[in-house]
């Protein structure tokens, strides 16, 4: 999905420093919602979240992937990205995600267990 078509306000909203929430489904069905920092590549339609491979969110996504929702809000402005998440463990993928995170937020603390939650966005909701 090419998210450039969402317009300049959408692009700016996903470049500004905002904390996000990542929602995954627990095995019995209830949502697991956690605060995260996220980045979005508009041209490829890929959102990225860095996390520890031992985190509950990473375990919920697992090797087979999972449907997720990534949301950010600022007053009445909000945006939710839905899509399929997979875990990336390749060092070059992790380093790329860390660079993107540092550009939006700040350099992440060292974590030898870091993985990337990579979300291929399939649906956009919001008021931006």
C-alpha atoms as a PDB file:
ATOM      1  CA  UNK A   1       0.000   0.000   0.000  1.00  0.00           C
ATOM      2  CA  UNK A   2       1.430   3.351  -1.068  1.00  0.00           C
ATOM      3  CA  UNK A   3       0.692   5.692   1.821  1.00  0.00           C
ATOM      4  CA  UNK A   4       2.050   8.766   0.028  1.00  0.00           C
ATOM      5  CA  UNK A   5      -1.482   9.057  -1.382  1.00  0.00           C
ATOM      6  CA  UNK A   6      -2.768   9.806   2.128  1.00  0.00           C
ATOM      7  CA  UNK A   7      -1.406  13.336   1.758  1.00  0.00           C
ATOM      8  CA  UNK A   8       1.001  15.762   3.387  1.00  0.00           C
ATOM      9  CA  UNK A   9      -0.840  16.082   6.715  1.00  0.00           C
ATOM     10  CA  UNK A  10      -0.818  12.295   7.145  1.00  0.00           C
ATOM     11  CA  UNK A  11       2.898  12.142   6.292  1.00  0.00           C
ATOM     12  CA  UNK A  12       3.728  14.930   8.756  1.00  0.00           C
ATOM     13  CA  UNK A  13       1.671  13.300  11.505  1.00  0.00           C
ATOM     14  CA  UNK A  14       3.663  10.065  11.133  1.00  0.00           C
ATOM     15  CA  UNK A  15       6.987  11.941  11.133  1.00  0.00           C
ATOM     16  CA  UNK A  16       6.317  14.095  14.220  1.00  0.00           C
ATOM     17  CA  UNK A  17       7.285  12.672  17.590  1.00  0.00           C
ATOM     18  CA  UNK A  18       4.224  10.849  18.903  1.00  0.00           C
ATOM     19  CA  UNK A  19       4.024   7.744  21.031  1.00  0.00           C
ATOM     20  CA  UNK A  20       1.892   4.978  19.602  1.00  0.00           C
ATOM     21  CA  UNK A  21       0.047   1.914  20.808  1.00  0.00           C
ATOM     22  CA  UNK A  22       0.401  -1.534  19.308  1.00  0.00           C
ATOM     23  CA  UNK A  23      -2.567  -3.883  19.645  1.00  0.00           C
ATOM     24  CA  UNK A  24      -2.191  -7.622  19.225  1.00  0.00           C
ATOM     25  CA  UNK A  25      -4.576 -10.438  20.135  1.00  0.00           C
ATOM     26  CA  UNK A  26      -3.969 -12.732  23.091  1.00  0.00           C
ATOM     27  CA  UNK A  27      -4.559 -16.463  22.512  1.00  0.00           C
ATOM     28  CA  UNK A  28      -8.046 -16.311  24.061  1.00  0.00           C
ATOM     29  CA  UNK A  29      -8.923 -13.233  21.985  1.00  0.00           C
ATOM     30  CA  UNK A  30      -8.731 -10.132  24.229  1.00  0.00           C
ATOM     31  CA  UNK A  31      -6.438  -7.371  22.957  1.00  0.00           C
ATOM     32  CA  UNK A  32      -2.958  -6.783  24.314  1.00  0.00           C
ATOM     33  CA  UNK A  33      -2.243  -3.042  23.936  1.00  0.00           C
ATOM     34  CA  UNK A  34       1.163  -1.562  24.713  1.00  0.00           C
ATOM     35  CA  UNK A  35       2.847   1.822  24.190  1.00  0.00           C
ATOM     36  CA  UNK A  36       5.558   1.813  21.523  1.00  0.00           C
ATOM     37  CA  UNK A  37       7.610   4.053  19.321  1.00  0.00           C
ATOM     38  CA  UNK A  38       6.993   3.418  15.636  1.00  0.00           C
ATOM     39  CA  UNK A  39       8.181   4.553  12.249  1.00  0.00           C
ATOM     40  CA  UNK A  40       6.388   4.507   8.934  1.00  0.00           C
ATOM     41  CA  UNK A  41       7.785   4.192   5.417  1.00  0.00           C
ATOM     42  CA  UNK A  42       5.118   5.840   3.280  1.00  0.00           C
ATOM     43  CA  UNK A  43       6.331   4.510  -0.056  1.00  0.00           C
ATOM     44  CA  UNK A  44       6.455   0.836   0.938  1.00  0.00           C
ATOM     45  CA  UNK A  45       3.553   0.968   3.395  1.00  0.00           C
ATOM     46  CA  UNK A  46       5.671  -0.631   6.120  1.00  0.00           C
ATOM     47  CA  UNK A  47       5.524   0.430   9.767  1.00  0.00           C
ATOM     48  CA  UNK A  48       8.247  -0.695  12.149  1.00  0.00           C
ATOM     49  CA  UNK A  49       8.430  -1.128  15.909  1.00  0.00           C
ATOM     50  CA  UNK A  50      11.647  -2.144  17.653  1.00  0.00           C
ATOM     51  CA  UNK A  51      11.326  -4.358  20.699  1.00  0.00           C
ATOM     52  CA  UNK A  52      12.991  -7.151  22.597  1.00  0.00           C
ATOM     53  CA  UNK A  53      12.506 -10.596  21.119  1.00  0.00           C
ATOM     54  CA  UNK A  54      11.522 -11.754  24.605  1.00  0.00           C
ATOM     55  CA  UNK A  55       8.662  -9.247  24.939  1.00  0.00           C
ATOM     56  CA  UNK A  56       5.082 -10.473  25.137  1.00  0.00           C
ATOM     57  CA  UNK A  57       4.146  -8.562  21.980  1.00  0.00           C
ATOM     58  CA  UNK A  58       6.935 -10.303  20.057  1.00  0.00           C
ATOM     59  CA  UNK A  59       5.843 -13.684  21.404  1.00  0.00           C
ATOM     60  CA  UNK A  60       2.226 -12.984  20.401  1.00  0.00           C
ATOM     61  CA  UNK A  61       3.297 -12.166  16.844  1.00  0.00           C
ATOM     62  CA  UNK A  62       5.615 -15.163  16.770  1.00  0.00           C
ATOM     63  CA  UNK A  63       7.168 -16.855  13.808  1.00  0.00           C
ATOM     64  CA  UNK A  64       3.942 -17.025  11.809  1.00  0.00           C
ATOM     65  CA  UNK A  65       2.966 -13.356  12.173  1.00  0.00           C
ATOM     66  CA  UNK A  66      -0.289 -11.790  13.341  1.00  0.00           C
ATOM     67  CA  UNK A  67      -2.832  -9.131  12.488  1.00  0.00           C
ATOM     68  CA  UNK A  68      -2.178  -5.945  14.475  1.00  0.00           C
ATOM     69  CA  UNK A  69      -3.257  -2.326  14.822  1.00  0.00           C
ATOM     70  CA  UNK A  70      -0.821   0.547  15.358  1.00  0.00           C
ATOM     71  CA  UNK A  71      -2.349   3.812  16.563  1.00  0.00           C
ATOM     72  CA  UNK A  72      -1.203   7.296  17.479  1.00  0.00           C
ATOM     73  CA  UNK A  73      -3.216  10.212  18.774  1.00  0.00           C
ATOM     74  CA  UNK A  74      -2.676  13.916  19.388  1.00  0.00           C
ATOM     75  CA  UNK A  75      -5.788  15.666  20.644  1.00  0.00           C
ATOM     76  CA  UNK A  76      -8.511  15.201  18.066  1.00  0.00           C
ATOM     77  CA  UNK A  77      -6.005  14.014  15.445  1.00  0.00           C
ATOM     78  CA  UNK A  78      -5.483  10.270  15.262  1.00  0.00           C
ATOM     79  CA  UNK A  79      -4.384   7.575  12.872  1.00  0.00           C
ATOM     80  CA  UNK A  80      -4.627   3.802  13.043  1.00  0.00           C
ATOM     81  CA  UNK A  81      -2.719   1.502  10.723  1.00  0.00           C
ATOM     82  CA  UNK A  82      -3.905  -2.085  10.411  1.00  0.00           C
ATOM     83  CA  UNK A  83      -1.932  -4.895   8.847  1.00  0.00           C
ATOM     84  CA  UNK A  84      -0.027  -8.128   9.183  1.00  0.00           C
ATOM     85  CA  UNK A  85       3.021  -8.051  11.426  1.00  0.00           C
ATOM     86  CA  UNK A  86       6.054 -10.299  11.158  1.00  0.00           C
ATOM     87  CA  UNK A  87       9.231 -10.386  13.216  1.00  0.00           C
ATOM     88  CA  UNK A  88      12.541  -9.519  11.568  1.00  0.00           C
ATOM     89  CA  UNK A  89      15.709 -10.646  13.283  1.00  0.00           C
ATOM     90  CA  UNK A  90      18.302 -10.052  10.556  1.00  0.00           C
ATOM     91  CA  UNK A  91      21.030  -7.670  11.819  1.00  0.00           C
ATOM     92  CA  UNK A  92      20.652  -5.356   8.800  1.00  0.00           C
ATOM     93  CA  UNK A  93      16.879  -5.154   9.310  1.00  0.00           C
ATOM     94  CA  UNK A  94      17.334  -4.382  13.013  1.00  0.00           C
ATOM     95  CA  UNK A  95      19.996  -1.725  12.272  1.00  0.00           C
ATOM     96  CA  UNK A  96      17.744  -0.085   9.662  1.00  0.00           C
ATOM     97  CA  UNK A  97      14.815   0.018  12.106  1.00  0.00           C
ATOM     98  CA  UNK A  98      17.064   1.475  14.818  1.00  0.00           C
ATOM     99  CA  UNK A  99      18.192   4.260  12.436  1.00  0.00           C
ATOM    100  CA  UNK A 100      14.584   5.068  11.577  1.00  0.00           C
ATOM    101  CA  UNK A 101      13.622   5.068  15.270  1.00  0.00           C
ATOM    102  CA  UNK A 102      16.551   7.379  16.141  1.00  0.00           C
ATOM    103  CA  UNK A 103      15.468   9.843  13.429  1.00  0.00           C
ATOM    104  CA  UNK A 104      11.933  10.093  14.837  1.00  0.00           C
ATOM    105  CA  UNK A 105      12.618   9.790  18.564  1.00  0.00           C
ATOM    106  CA  UNK A 106      16.164   9.368  19.891  1.00  0.00           C
ATOM    107  CA  UNK A 107      18.819   6.659  19.640  1.00  0.00           C
ATOM    108  CA  UNK A 108      17.470   3.492  21.264  1.00  0.00           C
ATOM    109  CA  UNK A 109      19.274   1.947  24.199  1.00  0.00           C
ATOM    110  CA  UNK A 110      21.424  -1.090  23.366  1.00  0.00           C
ATOM    111  CA  UNK A 111      19.527  -4.384  23.355  1.00  0.00           C
ATOM    112  CA  UNK A 112      21.202  -7.571  22.101  1.00  0.00           C
ATOM    113  CA  UNK A 113      17.781  -9.278  21.909  1.00  0.00           C
ATOM    114  CA  UNK A 114      16.218  -6.587  19.696  1.00  0.00           C
ATOM    115  CA  UNK A 115      13.891  -7.577  16.869  1.00  0.00           C
ATOM    116  CA  UNK A 116      11.732  -5.573  14.499  1.00  0.00           C
ATOM    117  CA  UNK A 117       7.979  -5.844  14.324  1.00  0.00           C
ATOM    118  CA  UNK A 118       7.415  -5.126  10.643  1.00  0.00           C
ATOM    119  CA  UNK A 119       3.830  -4.300   9.712  1.00  0.00           C
ATOM    120  CA  UNK A 120       2.653  -4.341   6.111  1.00  0.00           C
ATOM    121  CA  UNK A 121      -0.145  -1.779   6.273  1.00  0.00           C
ATOM    122  CA  UNK A 122      -3.379  -2.880   4.599  1.00  0.00           C
ATOM    123  CA  UNK A 123      -5.834  -0.356   6.035  1.00  0.00           C
ATOM    124  CA  UNK A 124      -5.665   3.240   7.279  1.00  0.00           C
ATOM    125  CA  UNK A 125      -8.218   4.835   9.606  1.00  0.00           C
ATOM    126  CA  UNK A 126      -8.152   8.208  11.252  1.00  0.00           C
ATOM    127  CA  UNK A 127      -8.712  11.916  11.372  1.00  0.00           C
ATOM    128  CA  UNK A 128      -5.569  13.665  10.182  1.00  0.00           C
END
